[in-house]
Amino acid sequence: MPKILIAGLGNKYMGDDGFGPRVVEALMSRNLPEHVEARDAGLCGVTLAPDLDDYELVIFVDAVQKGGKLGTIYRSEIKAEQVEEPKLEELEDAMNSFTLSVHETGLKELLLFAKAIGTLPPTTIVIGCEVRKISLEESLSPEVDAAVKRAVELILDEVQRLYSSETQKSA
């Protein structure tokens, strides 16, 4: 069975920015298959790139601000071949951002760096939640808190879909 990483990004002490870690906490209370790892990746930034080599699928869970309705869940899928070969200046930017969080460097830089070092998994899924309140506090706004359960169900569906297709391939 392919290994899956579910990485919650964000700072759980900054209000709605804690969406990713809260989803991971909820997932860890579930009985996940042994080949699925849920990890609070917090603010690790591009330093996460070397770890991605161990996984067939990585699901990033993060707070986003796209201008939509508070609590809206977004899903994006990125295939490794869709990530362009990084240009030298992009690699330099990624290398210079080792001390920054994913929020400061951006997921694009993380994926570019992972591709450059050969650790980008075949498929990356990003589950984002529209947030507003990013301030020093541990609680999520009610709309984002309600979105945690929806995100957990969406992620469990993604995991089930992958394993169903793998089972069909091997049959």
N, C-alpha and C. Protein backbone atom coordinates (compact mmCIF):
# COMPACT_ATOMS: atom_id res chain seq x y z
N MET A 1 0.83 -1.20 0.00
CA MET A 1 0.00 0.00 0.00
C MET A 1 0.87 1.25 0.00
N PRO A 2 0.50 2.24 -0.79
CA PRO A 2 1.27 3.48 -0.81
C PRO A 2 1.16 4.23 0.51
N LYS A 3 2.25 4.89 0.90
CA LYS A 3 2.24 5.68 2.12
C LYS A 3 1.69 7.07 1.84
N ILE A 4 0.93 7.58 2.80
CA ILE A 4 0.31 8.89 2.70
C ILE A 4 0.73 9.73 3.90
N LEU A 5 1.08 10.98 3.64
CA LEU A 5 1.33 11.95 4.70
C LEU A 5 0.24 13.00 4.65
N ILE A 6 -0.36 13.25 5.80
CA ILE A 6 -1.30 14.36 5.95
C ILE A 6 -0.60 15.36 6.86
N ALA A 7 -0.26 16.51 6.29
CA ALA A 7 0.53 17.51 7.02
C ALA A 7 -0.31 18.75 7.29
N GLY A 8 -0.55 19.01 8.55
CA GLY A 8 -1.29 20.21 8.95
C GLY A 8 -0.33 21.38 9.08
N LEU A 9 -0.55 22.41 8.29
CA LEU A 9 0.31 23.59 8.30
C LEU A 9 -0.37 24.72 9.07
N GLY A 10 0.42 25.52 9.74
CA GLY A 10 -0.13 26.68 10.44
C GLY A 10 0.26 26.70 11.90
N ASN A 11 -0.17 27.77 12.55
CA ASN A 11 0.17 28.00 13.95
C ASN A 11 -1.10 27.95 14.78
N LYS A 12 -1.23 26.91 15.59
CA LYS A 12 -2.47 26.73 16.36
C LYS A 12 -2.66 27.76 17.46
N TYR A 13 -1.68 28.63 17.65
CA TYR A 13 -1.80 29.71 18.64
C TYR A 13 -2.14 31.05 17.99
N MET A 14 -2.49 31.00 16.69
CA MET A 14 -2.82 32.22 15.96
C MET A 14 -4.23 32.13 15.36
N GLY A 15 -5.19 31.79 16.19
CA GLY A 15 -6.59 31.77 15.76
C GLY A 15 -6.82 30.82 14.60
N ASP A 16 -7.48 31.31 13.54
CA ASP A 16 -7.86 30.48 12.40
C ASP A 16 -6.66 29.89 11.66
N ASP A 17 -5.48 30.45 11.84
CA ASP A 17 -4.29 29.89 11.21
C ASP A 17 -4.02 28.48 11.73
N GLY A 18 -4.62 28.12 12.84
CA GLY A 18 -4.47 26.79 13.41
C GLY A 18 -5.34 25.73 12.78
N PHE A 19 -6.03 26.06 11.68
CA PHE A 19 -6.91 25.10 11.01
C PHE A 19 -6.19 23.79 10.70
N GLY A 20 -5.03 23.85 10.04
CA GLY A 20 -4.30 22.64 9.66
C GLY A 20 -3.95 21.76 10.84
N PRO A 21 -3.31 22.32 11.88
CA PRO A 21 -3.01 21.50 13.06
C PRO A 21 -4.26 20.93 13.74
N ARG A 22 -5.36 21.68 13.75
CA ARG A 22 -6.60 21.19 14.37
C ARG A 22 -7.17 20.00 13.59
N VAL A 23 -7.08 20.05 12.26
CA VAL A 23 -7.55 18.93 11.44
C VAL A 23 -6.70 17.70 11.74
N VAL A 24 -5.39 17.89 11.83
CA VAL A 24 -4.50 16.76 12.14
C VAL A 24 -4.82 16.18 13.51
N GLU A 25 -5.07 17.02 14.50
CA GLU A 25 -5.45 16.53 15.83
C GLU A 25 -6.71 15.67 15.74
N ALA A 26 -7.70 16.14 14.98
CA ALA A 26 -8.95 15.38 14.82
C ALA A 26 -8.68 14.05 14.11
N LEU A 27 -7.83 14.06 13.10
CA LEU A 27 -7.49 12.82 12.39
C LEU A 27 -6.76 11.84 13.28
N MET A 28 -5.88 12.34 14.14
CA MET A 28 -5.11 11.47 15.01
C MET A 28 -5.99 10.78 16.06
N SER A 29 -7.17 11.33 16.31
CA SER A 29 -8.09 10.68 17.24
C SER A 29 -8.88 9.56 16.55
N ARG A 30 -8.75 9.47 15.24
CA ARG A 30 -9.40 8.42 14.45
C ARG A 30 -8.45 7.24 14.31
N ASN A 31 -8.98 6.13 13.89
CA ASN A 31 -8.17 4.93 13.65
C ASN A 31 -7.69 4.95 12.20
N LEU A 32 -6.57 5.64 11.96
CA LEU A 32 -6.03 5.73 10.61
C LEU A 32 -5.30 4.44 10.24
N PRO A 33 -5.33 4.08 8.95
CA PRO A 33 -4.55 2.91 8.52
C PRO A 33 -3.07 3.11 8.85
N GLU A 34 -2.34 2.02 9.02
CA GLU A 34 -0.94 2.11 9.44
C GLU A 34 -0.05 2.81 8.41
N HIS A 35 -0.45 2.84 7.16
CA HIS A 35 0.36 3.48 6.11
C HIS A 35 -0.01 4.95 5.91
N VAL A 36 -0.83 5.48 6.81
CA VAL A 36 -1.22 6.90 6.76
C VAL A 36 -0.65 7.59 7.99
N GLU A 37 0.12 8.64 7.76
CA GLU A 37 0.70 9.40 8.86
C GLU A 37 0.09 10.80 8.87
N ALA A 38 -0.44 11.19 10.01
CA ALA A 38 -0.94 12.56 10.19
C ALA A 38 0.08 13.28 11.07
N ARG A 39 0.54 14.44 10.59
CA ARG A 39 1.61 15.15 11.28
C ARG A 39 1.29 16.65 11.34
N ASP A 40 1.44 17.21 12.53
CA ASP A 40 1.36 18.67 12.67
C ASP A 40 2.69 19.22 12.19
N ALA A 41 2.70 19.72 10.97
CA ALA A 41 3.94 20.26 10.38
C ALA A 41 4.14 21.71 10.76
N GLY A 42 3.14 22.31 11.40
CA GLY A 42 3.25 23.65 11.93
C GLY A 42 3.84 24.65 10.97
N LEU A 43 4.98 25.18 11.33
CA LEU A 43 5.63 26.25 10.57
C LEU A 43 6.98 25.80 10.03
N CYS A 44 7.10 24.53 9.65
CA CYS A 44 8.42 24.01 9.29
C CYS A 44 8.92 24.46 7.92
N GLY A 45 8.09 25.02 7.07
CA GLY A 45 8.54 25.57 5.80
C GLY A 45 9.19 24.55 4.89
N VAL A 46 10.18 25.01 4.12
CA VAL A 46 10.81 24.13 3.13
C VAL A 46 11.63 23.03 3.79
N THR A 47 11.85 23.10 5.09
CA THR A 47 12.58 22.03 5.76
C THR A 47 11.81 20.72 5.72
N LEU A 48 10.52 20.76 5.37
CA LEU A 48 9.71 19.56 5.22
C LEU A 48 10.05 18.82 3.93
N ALA A 49 10.63 19.49 2.95
CA ALA A 49 10.87 18.91 1.62
C ALA A 49 11.61 17.57 1.65
N PRO A 50 12.70 17.42 2.40
CA PRO A 50 13.40 16.12 2.38
C PRO A 50 12.54 14.95 2.87
N ASP A 51 11.59 15.21 3.75
CA ASP A 51 10.74 14.15 4.30
C ASP A 51 9.70 13.64 3.30
N LEU A 52 9.41 14.39 2.26
CA LEU A 52 8.34 14.02 1.34
C LEU A 52 8.67 12.80 0.49
N ASP A 53 9.93 12.44 0.42
CA ASP A 53 10.39 11.33 -0.41
C ASP A 53 9.77 9.99 -0.02
N ASP A 54 9.33 9.87 1.22
CA ASP A 54 8.80 8.60 1.72
C ASP A 54 7.35 8.33 1.34
N TYR A 55 6.70 9.28 0.66
CA TYR A 55 5.25 9.18 0.47
C TYR A 55 4.86 9.18 -1.01
N GLU A 56 3.80 8.45 -1.29
CA GLU A 56 3.19 8.41 -2.63
C GLU A 56 2.23 9.59 -2.80
N LEU A 57 1.62 9.98 -1.70
CA LEU A 57 0.65 11.09 -1.69
C LEU A 57 0.89 11.92 -0.45
N VAL A 58 0.90 13.24 -0.62
CA VAL A 58 0.95 14.16 0.52
C VAL A 58 -0.28 15.04 0.44
N ILE A 59 -0.97 15.16 1.57
CA ILE A 59 -2.12 16.05 1.68
C ILE A 59 -1.74 17.15 2.66
N PHE A 60 -1.65 18.37 2.14
CA PHE A 60 -1.39 19.53 2.99
C PHE A 60 -2.72 20.12 3.40
N VAL A 61 -2.85 20.47 4.67
CA VAL A 61 -4.07 21.09 5.20
C VAL A 61 -3.66 22.44 5.77
N ASP A 62 -4.31 23.51 5.28
CA ASP A 62 -3.84 24.83 5.64
C ASP A 62 -4.97 25.85 5.63
N ALA A 63 -4.74 26.94 6.31
CA ALA A 63 -5.62 28.11 6.27
C ALA A 63 -5.30 28.89 5.00
N VAL A 64 -6.33 29.38 4.32
CA VAL A 64 -6.13 30.19 3.12
C VAL A 64 -6.99 31.44 3.18
N GLN A 65 -6.58 32.45 2.44
CA GLN A 65 -7.37 33.67 2.33
C GLN A 65 -7.50 33.99 0.85
N LYS A 66 -8.60 33.47 0.25
CA LYS A 66 -8.85 33.67 -1.17
C LYS A 66 -9.98 34.67 -1.40
N GLY A 67 -10.57 35.16 -0.33
CA GLY A 67 -11.66 36.10 -0.45
C GLY A 67 -13.04 35.46 -0.47
N GLY A 68 -13.10 34.16 -0.22
CA GLY A 68 -14.38 33.45 -0.22
C GLY A 68 -15.09 33.54 1.12
N LYS A 69 -16.16 32.77 1.23
CA LYS A 69 -16.95 32.74 2.45
C LYS A 69 -16.16 32.03 3.56
N LEU A 70 -16.16 32.62 4.74
CA LEU A 70 -15.47 32.06 5.89
C LEU A 70 -15.89 30.61 6.11
N GLY A 71 -14.90 29.71 6.25
CA GLY A 71 -15.19 28.30 6.48
C GLY A 71 -15.29 27.46 5.21
N THR A 72 -15.20 28.10 4.04
CA THR A 72 -15.26 27.36 2.78
C THR A 72 -14.03 26.46 2.66
N ILE A 73 -14.26 25.23 2.24
CA ILE A 73 -13.17 24.27 2.04
C ILE A 73 -12.83 24.24 0.55
N TYR A 74 -11.53 24.32 0.26
CA TYR A 74 -11.03 24.24 -1.11
C TYR A 74 -10.17 22.98 -1.24
N ARG A 75 -10.19 22.38 -2.43
CA ARG A 75 -9.35 21.21 -2.70
C ARG A 75 -8.63 21.43 -4.03
N SER A 76 -7.32 21.24 -4.01
CA SER A 76 -6.52 21.32 -5.23
C SER A 76 -5.63 20.10 -5.30
N GLU A 77 -5.46 19.58 -6.51
CA GLU A 77 -4.57 18.43 -6.70
C GLU A 77 -3.45 18.84 -7.64
N ILE A 78 -2.24 18.48 -7.25
CA ILE A 78 -1.06 18.85 -8.03
C ILE A 78 -0.29 17.57 -8.33
N LYS A 79 -0.11 17.28 -9.59
CA LYS A 79 0.71 16.14 -10.00
C LYS A 79 2.16 16.62 -10.12
N ALA A 80 3.11 15.74 -9.83
CA ALA A 80 4.53 16.11 -9.84
C ALA A 80 4.93 16.71 -11.18
N GLU A 81 4.38 16.19 -12.27
CA GLU A 81 4.76 16.70 -13.59
C GLU A 81 4.22 18.11 -13.85
N GLN A 82 3.27 18.56 -13.05
CA GLN A 82 2.74 19.92 -13.19
C GLN A 82 3.65 20.96 -12.54
N VAL A 83 4.52 20.50 -11.65
CA VAL A 83 5.45 21.41 -10.99
C VAL A 83 6.64 21.59 -11.92
N GLU A 84 6.82 22.81 -12.37
CA GLU A 84 7.91 23.09 -13.31
C GLU A 84 9.26 22.91 -12.65
N GLU A 85 10.26 22.61 -13.48
CA GLU A 85 11.62 22.55 -12.97
C GLU A 85 11.96 23.94 -12.44
N PRO A 86 12.45 24.01 -11.22
CA PRO A 86 12.72 25.33 -10.63
C PRO A 86 13.89 26.03 -11.32
N LYS A 87 13.74 27.35 -11.43
CA LYS A 87 14.83 28.18 -11.94
C LYS A 87 15.82 28.42 -10.82
N LEU A 88 17.04 28.74 -11.16
CA LEU A 88 18.09 28.94 -10.17
C LEU A 88 17.68 29.95 -9.10
N GLU A 89 17.08 31.07 -9.52
CA GLU A 89 16.70 32.09 -8.52
C GLU A 89 15.60 31.59 -7.59
N GLU A 90 14.71 30.72 -8.10
CA GLU A 90 13.68 30.16 -7.23
C GLU A 90 14.30 29.22 -6.20
N LEU A 91 15.30 28.45 -6.64
CA LEU A 91 15.99 27.57 -5.69
C LEU A 91 16.73 28.38 -4.64
N GLU A 92 17.36 29.44 -5.07
CA GLU A 92 18.06 30.30 -4.11
C GLU A 92 17.09 30.89 -3.10
N ASP A 93 15.92 31.34 -3.59
CA ASP A 93 14.90 31.87 -2.68
C ASP A 93 14.46 30.80 -1.68
N ALA A 94 14.25 29.57 -2.18
CA ALA A 94 13.83 28.48 -1.30
C ALA A 94 14.92 28.17 -0.29
N MET A 95 16.16 28.12 -0.74
CA MET A 95 17.27 27.85 0.17
C MET A 95 17.40 28.94 1.24
N ASN A 96 17.19 30.18 0.84
CA ASN A 96 17.30 31.30 1.78
C ASN A 96 16.14 31.33 2.77
N SER A 97 15.09 30.57 2.51
CA SER A 97 13.91 30.64 3.35
C SER A 97 13.83 29.49 4.36
N PHE A 98 14.93 28.77 4.58
CA PHE A 98 14.90 27.66 5.52
C PHE A 98 14.43 28.07 6.90
N THR A 99 14.59 29.31 7.28
CA THR A 99 14.16 29.74 8.60
C THR A 99 12.73 30.26 8.61
N LEU A 100 12.10 30.28 7.46
CA LEU A 100 10.75 30.82 7.36
C LEU A 100 9.72 29.71 7.42
N SER A 101 8.48 30.08 7.69
CA SER A 101 7.40 29.11 7.71
C SER A 101 6.88 28.89 6.30
N VAL A 102 6.04 27.88 6.14
CA VAL A 102 5.40 27.64 4.85
C VAL A 102 4.59 28.87 4.45
N HIS A 103 4.02 29.54 5.42
CA HIS A 103 3.21 30.72 5.12
C HIS A 103 4.06 31.84 4.56
N GLU A 104 5.29 31.96 5.02
CA GLU A 104 6.17 33.02 4.54
C GLU A 104 6.82 32.63 3.21
N THR A 105 7.14 31.36 3.03
CA THR A 105 7.77 30.93 1.79
C THR A 105 6.74 30.55 0.75
N GLY A 106 5.64 30.02 1.16
CA GLY A 106 4.60 29.58 0.25
C GLY A 106 4.76 28.11 -0.11
N LEU A 107 3.64 27.48 -0.36
CA LEU A 107 3.63 26.08 -0.73
C LEU A 107 4.34 25.88 -2.07
N LYS A 108 4.24 26.87 -2.95
CA LYS A 108 4.91 26.77 -4.24
C LYS A 108 6.41 26.55 -4.05
N GLU A 109 7.03 27.32 -3.17
CA GLU A 109 8.46 27.19 -2.92
C GLU A 109 8.80 25.83 -2.33
N LEU A 110 7.95 25.34 -1.44
CA LEU A 110 8.17 24.02 -0.86
C LEU A 110 8.15 22.95 -1.96
N LEU A 111 7.16 23.02 -2.84
CA LEU A 111 7.06 22.03 -3.91
C LEU A 111 8.21 22.15 -4.90
N LEU A 112 8.59 23.38 -5.24
CA LEU A 112 9.74 23.58 -6.14
C LEU A 112 11.01 23.00 -5.54
N PHE A 113 11.22 23.25 -4.27
CA PHE A 113 12.42 22.75 -3.61
C PHE A 113 12.40 21.22 -3.56
N ALA A 114 11.24 20.64 -3.23
CA ALA A 114 11.13 19.18 -3.19
C ALA A 114 11.41 18.58 -4.56
N LYS A 115 10.93 19.23 -5.62
CA LYS A 115 11.21 18.74 -6.97
C LYS A 115 12.70 18.83 -7.26
N ALA A 116 13.34 19.93 -6.88
CA ALA A 116 14.76 20.14 -7.16
C ALA A 116 15.63 19.09 -6.46
N ILE A 117 15.24 18.67 -5.27
CA ILE A 117 16.06 17.70 -4.54
C ILE A 117 15.57 16.27 -4.74
N GLY A 118 14.54 16.10 -5.59
CA GLY A 118 14.08 14.77 -5.94
C GLY A 118 13.18 14.09 -4.93
N THR A 119 12.48 14.86 -4.11
CA THR A 119 11.62 14.26 -3.08
C THR A 119 10.13 14.54 -3.29
N LEU A 120 9.78 15.21 -4.38
CA LEU A 120 8.38 15.56 -4.63
C LEU A 120 7.57 14.29 -4.90
N PRO A 121 6.50 14.06 -4.14
CA PRO A 121 5.70 12.86 -4.37
C PRO A 121 4.91 12.98 -5.69
N PRO A 122 4.45 11.85 -6.23
CA PRO A 122 3.70 11.88 -7.49
C PRO A 122 2.45 12.76 -7.43
N THR A 123 1.79 12.77 -6.27
CA THR A 123 0.56 13.56 -6.12
C THR A 123 0.59 14.32 -4.79
N THR A 124 0.19 15.59 -4.88
CA THR A 124 0.02 16.43 -3.70
C THR A 124 -1.40 17.00 -3.75
N ILE A 125 -2.09 16.91 -2.65
CA ILE A 125 -3.43 17.50 -2.54
C ILE A 125 -3.36 18.57 -1.46
N VAL A 126 -3.97 19.71 -1.75
CA VAL A 126 -4.04 20.79 -0.78
C VAL A 126 -5.50 20.98 -0.38
N ILE A 127 -5.76 20.85 0.90
CA ILE A 127 -7.08 21.11 1.46
C ILE A 127 -6.95 22.42 2.24
N GLY A 128 -7.63 23.45 1.77
CA GLY A 128 -7.56 24.75 2.42
C GLY A 128 -8.91 25.17 2.95
N CYS A 129 -8.88 25.98 4.00
CA CYS A 129 -10.11 26.53 4.57
C CYS A 129 -10.00 28.04 4.58
N GLU A 130 -11.02 28.69 4.09
CA GLU A 130 -11.08 30.16 4.08
C GLU A 130 -11.14 30.66 5.52
N VAL A 131 -10.20 31.51 5.88
CA VAL A 131 -10.11 32.03 7.24
C VAL A 131 -10.09 33.56 7.22
N ARG A 132 -10.31 34.15 8.37
CA ARG A 132 -10.21 35.60 8.51
C ARG A 132 -9.37 35.98 9.73
N LYS A 133 -9.66 35.35 10.87
CA LYS A 133 -9.11 35.75 12.16
C LYS A 133 -7.75 35.09 12.39
N ILE A 134 -6.68 35.85 12.14
CA ILE A 134 -5.33 35.35 12.43
C ILE A 134 -4.74 36.32 13.45
N SER A 135 -4.91 35.94 14.69
CA SER A 135 -4.42 36.77 15.80
C SER A 135 -4.04 35.85 16.95
N LEU A 136 -3.35 36.39 17.91
CA LEU A 136 -2.82 35.59 19.00
C LEU A 136 -3.95 35.08 19.89
N GLU A 137 -4.39 33.87 19.61
CA GLU A 137 -5.38 33.16 20.42
C GLU A 137 -5.45 31.72 19.93
N GLU A 138 -5.88 30.84 20.80
CA GLU A 138 -5.89 29.42 20.46
C GLU A 138 -7.19 28.96 19.81
N SER A 139 -8.26 29.72 19.93
CA SER A 139 -9.54 29.25 19.41
C SER A 139 -9.72 29.63 17.95
N LEU A 140 -10.47 28.76 17.26
CA LEU A 140 -10.85 29.02 15.86
C LEU A 140 -12.17 29.76 15.86
N SER A 141 -12.44 30.53 14.82
CA SER A 141 -13.76 31.13 14.68
C SER A 141 -14.77 29.99 14.49
N PRO A 142 -16.03 30.19 14.85
CA PRO A 142 -17.02 29.10 14.76
C PRO A 142 -17.11 28.48 13.36
N GLU A 143 -17.03 29.28 12.32
CA GLU A 143 -17.14 28.77 10.95
C GLU A 143 -15.95 27.87 10.59
N VAL A 144 -14.76 28.27 11.01
CA VAL A 144 -13.56 27.48 10.73
C VAL A 144 -13.55 26.22 11.60
N ASP A 145 -14.01 26.35 12.84
CA ASP A 145 -14.11 25.19 13.71
C ASP A 145 -15.05 24.15 13.10
N ALA A 146 -16.18 24.59 12.55
CA ALA A 146 -17.12 23.68 11.90
C ALA A 146 -16.51 23.04 10.66
N ALA A 147 -15.62 23.76 10.00
CA ALA A 147 -14.98 23.24 8.78
C ALA A 147 -13.98 22.12 9.09
N VAL A 148 -13.49 22.05 10.32
CA VAL A 148 -12.53 21.00 10.69
C VAL A 148 -13.14 19.63 10.43
N LYS A 149 -14.36 19.41 10.89
CA LYS A 149 -15.02 18.10 10.70
C LYS A 149 -15.21 17.80 9.22
N ARG A 150 -15.62 18.80 8.44
CA ARG A 150 -15.80 18.59 7.00
C ARG A 150 -14.47 18.24 6.33
N ALA A 151 -13.41 18.89 6.75
CA ALA A 151 -12.09 18.61 6.17
C ALA A 151 -11.63 17.20 6.53
N VAL A 152 -11.88 16.78 7.75
CA VAL A 152 -11.52 15.42 8.18
C VAL A 152 -12.23 14.40 7.29
N GLU A 153 -13.52 14.59 7.07
CA GLU A 153 -14.28 13.65 6.23
C GLU A 153 -13.77 13.66 4.79
N LEU A 154 -13.46 14.83 4.27
CA LEU A 154 -12.92 14.95 2.91
C LEU A 154 -11.59 14.20 2.80
N ILE A 155 -10.73 14.36 3.78
CA ILE A 155 -9.42 13.69 3.77
C ILE A 155 -9.59 12.18 3.89
N LEU A 156 -10.46 11.73 4.76
CA LEU A 156 -10.70 10.29 4.88
C LEU A 156 -11.25 9.72 3.58
N ASP A 157 -12.09 10.49 2.88
CA ASP A 157 -12.58 10.07 1.56
C ASP A 157 -11.43 9.97 0.56
N GLU A 158 -10.50 10.92 0.60
CA GLU A 158 -9.33 10.90 -0.30
C GLU A 158 -8.50 9.64 -0.05
N VAL A 159 -8.26 9.34 1.22
CA VAL A 159 -7.48 8.15 1.58
C VAL A 159 -8.20 6.89 1.09
N GLN A 160 -9.49 6.82 1.35
CA GLN A 160 -10.28 5.65 0.92
C GLN A 160 -10.27 5.50 -0.60
N ARG A 161 -10.40 6.61 -1.31
CA ARG A 161 -10.40 6.59 -2.78
C ARG A 161 -9.06 6.06 -3.31
N LEU A 162 -7.96 6.50 -2.72
CA LEU A 162 -6.64 6.04 -3.15
C LEU A 162 -6.51 4.53 -2.92
N TYR A 163 -6.91 4.06 -1.75
CA TYR A 163 -6.76 2.64 -1.45
C TYR A 163 -7.74 1.78 -2.23
N SER A 164 -8.89 2.30 -2.55
CA SER A 164 -9.83 1.56 -3.41
C SER A 164 -9.25 1.38 -4.80
N SER A 165 -8.65 2.44 -5.35
CA SER A 165 -8.06 2.35 -6.69
C SER A 165 -6.83 1.44 -6.67
N GLU A 166 -6.05 1.45 -5.59
CA GLU A 166 -4.88 0.56 -5.48
C GLU A 166 -5.32 -0.89 -5.40
N THR A 167 -6.41 -1.14 -4.67
CA THR A 167 -6.93 -2.51 -4.53
C THR A 167 -7.42 -3.03 -5.88
N GLN A 168 -8.09 -2.16 -6.65
CA GLN A 168 -8.57 -2.54 -7.98
C GLN A 168 -7.41 -2.82 -8.93
N LYS A 169 -6.33 -2.03 -8.83
CA LYS A 169 -5.16 -2.25 -9.69
C LYS A 169 -4.50 -3.58 -9.45
N SER A 170 -4.45 -3.98 -8.15
CA SER A 170 -3.75 -5.22 -7.80
C SER A 170 -4.63 -6.45 -7.97
N ALA A 171 -5.92 -6.24 -8.23
CA ALA A 171 -6.84 -7.39 -8.37
C ALA A 171 -6.78 -7.98 -9.76
